[in-house]
Amino acid sequence: MLVQTRMLSIDPSARSRLNTVFVVDNFIGGSIGSTLAGVFWQAGGWPVLMIAAAVVTCIPLAIWFTQRNRALISER
């Protein structure tokens, strides 16, 4: 919810358009995730699916962590 609140504060006059983009992106992400889950399930069942989920979770976490460190260094 915080992401949507921050996004809608960008331009109050474009709230409906921004919200439409947000919801459409959620549906697209969900459909891609469902498709990939089916592919990974066929490739090896639960073990492969869980490894893929861990990788998909760790990639944005690593990006966030490196960007966070850069922001802390630049503030000094």
N, C-alpha and C. Protein backbone atom coordinates (compact mmCIF):
# COMPACT_ATOMS: atom_id res chain seq x y z
N MET A 1 0.82 -1.18 0.00
CA MET A 1 0.00 0.00 0.00
C MET A 1 0.86 1.25 0.00
N LEU A 2 2.02 1.19 0.64
CA LEU A 2 2.90 2.34 0.69
C LEU A 2 3.37 2.73 -0.71
N VAL A 3 3.66 1.73 -1.55
CA VAL A 3 4.11 2.03 -2.91
C VAL A 3 3.02 2.77 -3.67
N GLN A 4 1.80 2.31 -3.55
CA GLN A 4 0.69 2.95 -4.26
C GLN A 4 0.47 4.37 -3.73
N THR A 5 0.56 4.57 -2.45
CA THR A 5 0.39 5.91 -1.87
C THR A 5 1.47 6.85 -2.37
N ARG A 6 2.71 6.40 -2.38
CA ARG A 6 3.81 7.24 -2.86
C ARG A 6 3.66 7.53 -4.34
N MET A 7 3.23 6.53 -5.10
CA MET A 7 3.07 6.73 -6.54
C MET A 7 1.97 7.74 -6.83
N LEU A 8 0.86 7.66 -6.11
CA LEU A 8 -0.25 8.57 -6.36
C LEU A 8 0.05 10.00 -5.93
N SER A 9 1.05 10.18 -5.09
CA SER A 9 1.41 11.53 -4.66
C SER A 9 2.28 12.26 -5.69
N ILE A 10 2.70 11.57 -6.75
CA ILE A 10 3.53 12.18 -7.79
C ILE A 10 2.77 13.31 -8.47
N ASP A 11 1.56 13.02 -8.91
CA ASP A 11 0.75 14.01 -9.61
C ASP A 11 -0.71 13.80 -9.23
N PRO A 12 -1.22 14.58 -8.29
CA PRO A 12 -2.61 14.39 -7.83
C PRO A 12 -3.65 14.49 -8.95
N SER A 13 -3.36 15.24 -9.99
CA SER A 13 -4.34 15.38 -11.07
C SER A 13 -4.37 14.15 -11.98
N ALA A 14 -3.40 13.26 -11.86
CA ALA A 14 -3.34 12.06 -12.69
C ALA A 14 -3.56 10.79 -11.88
N ARG A 15 -4.26 10.91 -10.78
CA ARG A 15 -4.43 9.75 -9.88
C ARG A 15 -5.07 8.56 -10.56
N SER A 16 -6.12 8.78 -11.33
CA SER A 16 -6.81 7.63 -11.95
C SER A 16 -5.92 6.95 -12.98
N ARG A 17 -5.17 7.73 -13.75
CA ARG A 17 -4.27 7.13 -14.74
C ARG A 17 -3.14 6.37 -14.06
N LEU A 18 -2.56 6.96 -13.02
CA LEU A 18 -1.49 6.28 -12.29
C LEU A 18 -1.99 5.00 -11.63
N ASN A 19 -3.20 5.05 -11.08
CA ASN A 19 -3.76 3.87 -10.44
C ASN A 19 -4.04 2.77 -11.47
N THR A 20 -4.49 3.17 -12.67
CA THR A 20 -4.72 2.20 -13.73
C THR A 20 -3.43 1.49 -14.11
N VAL A 21 -2.35 2.25 -14.26
CA VAL A 21 -1.06 1.66 -14.58
C VAL A 21 -0.62 0.71 -13.47
N PHE A 22 -0.81 1.12 -12.23
CA PHE A 22 -0.43 0.29 -11.08
C PHE A 22 -1.18 -1.05 -11.10
N VAL A 23 -2.49 -1.02 -11.31
CA VAL A 23 -3.30 -2.24 -11.29
C VAL A 23 -2.96 -3.13 -12.48
N VAL A 24 -2.80 -2.53 -13.66
CA VAL A 24 -2.45 -3.32 -14.84
C VAL A 24 -1.10 -4.00 -14.65
N ASP A 25 -0.14 -3.27 -14.09
CA ASP A 25 1.17 -3.87 -13.82
C ASP A 25 1.06 -5.03 -12.83
N ASN A 26 0.19 -4.90 -11.84
CA ASN A 26 -0.01 -6.01 -10.90
C ASN A 26 -0.56 -7.25 -11.60
N PHE A 27 -1.53 -7.05 -12.49
CA PHE A 27 -2.09 -8.19 -13.23
C PHE A 27 -1.06 -8.81 -14.15
N ILE A 28 -0.26 -7.99 -14.83
CA ILE A 28 0.78 -8.52 -15.72
C ILE A 28 1.81 -9.30 -14.91
N GLY A 29 2.25 -8.74 -13.80
CA GLY A 29 3.21 -9.44 -12.94
C GLY A 29 2.66 -10.76 -12.42
N GLY A 30 1.39 -10.76 -12.04
CA GLY A 30 0.76 -12.00 -11.57
C GLY A 30 0.68 -13.06 -12.65
N SER A 31 0.36 -12.65 -13.87
CA SER A 31 0.26 -13.63 -14.95
C SER A 31 1.63 -14.17 -15.34
N ILE A 32 2.65 -13.31 -15.33
CA ILE A 32 4.01 -13.78 -15.61
C ILE A 32 4.45 -14.75 -14.52
N GLY A 33 4.17 -14.41 -13.26
CA GLY A 33 4.53 -15.29 -12.15
C GLY A 33 3.84 -16.64 -12.23
N SER A 34 2.57 -16.64 -12.59
CA SER A 34 1.84 -17.90 -12.72
C SER A 34 2.40 -18.75 -13.85
N THR A 35 2.73 -18.11 -14.96
CA THR A 35 3.30 -18.84 -16.09
C THR A 35 4.65 -19.45 -15.71
N LEU A 36 5.50 -18.64 -15.08
CA LEU A 36 6.81 -19.16 -14.67
C LEU A 36 6.69 -20.27 -13.64
N ALA A 37 5.72 -20.15 -12.74
CA ALA A 37 5.52 -21.21 -11.74
C ALA A 37 5.17 -22.53 -12.42
N GLY A 38 4.34 -22.47 -13.45
CA GLY A 38 4.00 -23.69 -14.19
C GLY A 38 5.20 -24.28 -14.89
N VAL A 39 6.02 -23.42 -15.48
CA VAL A 39 7.22 -23.88 -16.17
C VAL A 39 8.19 -24.54 -15.18
N PHE A 40 8.41 -23.87 -14.04
CA PHE A 40 9.34 -24.42 -13.05
C PHE A 40 8.79 -25.70 -12.43
N TRP A 41 7.47 -25.77 -12.26
CA TRP A 41 6.87 -26.99 -11.71
C TRP A 41 7.11 -28.17 -12.66
N GLN A 42 6.91 -27.95 -13.94
CA GLN A 42 7.15 -29.00 -14.93
C GLN A 42 8.63 -29.40 -15.00
N ALA A 43 9.50 -28.43 -14.71
CA ALA A 43 10.94 -28.69 -14.79
C ALA A 43 11.45 -29.54 -13.63
N GLY A 44 10.76 -29.51 -12.48
CA GLY A 44 11.30 -30.29 -11.37
C GLY A 44 10.48 -30.28 -10.11
N GLY A 45 9.24 -29.84 -10.18
CA GLY A 45 8.37 -29.87 -9.01
C GLY A 45 8.74 -28.82 -7.96
N TRP A 46 8.41 -29.16 -6.70
CA TRP A 46 8.61 -28.20 -5.61
C TRP A 46 10.04 -27.74 -5.43
N PRO A 47 11.03 -28.62 -5.50
CA PRO A 47 12.40 -28.14 -5.28
C PRO A 47 12.82 -27.05 -6.27
N VAL A 48 12.55 -27.25 -7.55
CA VAL A 48 12.92 -26.27 -8.57
C VAL A 48 12.09 -25.00 -8.40
N LEU A 49 10.82 -25.15 -8.10
CA LEU A 49 9.95 -24.00 -7.91
C LEU A 49 10.41 -23.15 -6.72
N MET A 50 10.80 -23.78 -5.64
CA MET A 50 11.26 -23.03 -4.46
C MET A 50 12.62 -22.37 -4.68
N ILE A 51 13.50 -23.03 -5.43
CA ILE A 51 14.79 -22.41 -5.76
C ILE A 51 14.56 -21.18 -6.63
N ALA A 52 13.68 -21.29 -7.61
CA ALA A 52 13.37 -20.16 -8.48
C ALA A 52 12.74 -19.02 -7.67
N ALA A 53 11.87 -19.35 -6.74
CA ALA A 53 11.24 -18.32 -5.90
C ALA A 53 12.29 -17.63 -5.04
N ALA A 54 13.25 -18.38 -4.53
CA ALA A 54 14.31 -17.79 -3.72
C ALA A 54 15.18 -16.86 -4.56
N VAL A 55 15.48 -17.26 -5.78
CA VAL A 55 16.29 -16.42 -6.68
C VAL A 55 15.54 -15.14 -7.02
N VAL A 56 14.25 -15.28 -7.34
CA VAL A 56 13.44 -14.11 -7.70
C VAL A 56 13.32 -13.17 -6.50
N THR A 57 13.33 -13.68 -5.31
CA THR A 57 13.27 -12.85 -4.11
C THR A 57 14.61 -12.20 -3.81
N CYS A 58 15.69 -12.93 -4.02
CA CYS A 58 17.02 -12.41 -3.68
C CYS A 58 17.52 -11.34 -4.64
N ILE A 59 17.12 -11.38 -5.89
CA ILE A 59 17.59 -10.38 -6.86
C ILE A 59 17.17 -8.97 -6.46
N PRO A 60 15.88 -8.70 -6.24
CA PRO A 60 15.52 -7.33 -5.82
C PRO A 60 16.09 -6.97 -4.45
N LEU A 61 16.23 -7.97 -3.57
CA LEU A 61 16.81 -7.71 -2.26
C LEU A 61 18.27 -7.26 -2.40
N ALA A 62 19.00 -7.90 -3.29
CA ALA A 62 20.40 -7.51 -3.53
C ALA A 62 20.47 -6.11 -4.15
N ILE A 63 19.57 -5.81 -5.07
CA ILE A 63 19.55 -4.47 -5.68
C ILE A 63 19.24 -3.44 -4.62
N TRP A 64 18.26 -3.71 -3.78
CA TRP A 64 17.91 -2.77 -2.72
C TRP A 64 19.09 -2.55 -1.78
N PHE A 65 19.75 -3.66 -1.42
CA PHE A 65 20.86 -3.56 -0.48
C PHE A 65 22.01 -2.73 -1.05
N THR A 66 22.35 -2.96 -2.31
CA THR A 66 23.46 -2.19 -2.91
C THR A 66 23.08 -0.73 -3.08
N GLN A 67 21.84 -0.45 -3.47
CA GLN A 67 21.41 0.94 -3.62
C GLN A 67 21.35 1.64 -2.27
N ARG A 68 20.96 0.92 -1.25
CA ARG A 68 20.89 1.48 0.10
C ARG A 68 22.28 1.87 0.58
N ASN A 69 23.25 1.00 0.34
CA ASN A 69 24.62 1.29 0.73
C ASN A 69 25.16 2.50 -0.03
N ARG A 70 24.84 2.62 -1.30
CA ARG A 70 25.29 3.77 -2.08
C ARG A 70 24.68 5.06 -1.54
N ALA A 71 23.40 5.01 -1.17
CA ALA A 71 22.74 6.20 -0.64
C ALA A 71 23.34 6.60 0.69
N LEU A 72 23.68 5.63 1.55
CA LEU A 72 24.29 5.94 2.83
C LEU A 72 25.68 6.54 2.65
N ILE A 73 26.44 6.03 1.68
CA ILE A 73 27.79 6.55 1.43
C ILE A 73 27.72 7.98 0.89
N SER A 74 26.76 8.23 -0.03
CA SER A 74 26.66 9.57 -0.62
C SER A 74 26.17 10.62 0.36
N GLU A 75 25.48 10.20 1.42
CA GLU A 75 24.98 11.16 2.43
C GLU A 75 26.10 11.66 3.32
N ARG A 76 27.17 10.92 3.41
CA ARG A 76 28.28 11.30 4.30
C ARG A 76 29.02 12.42 3.74
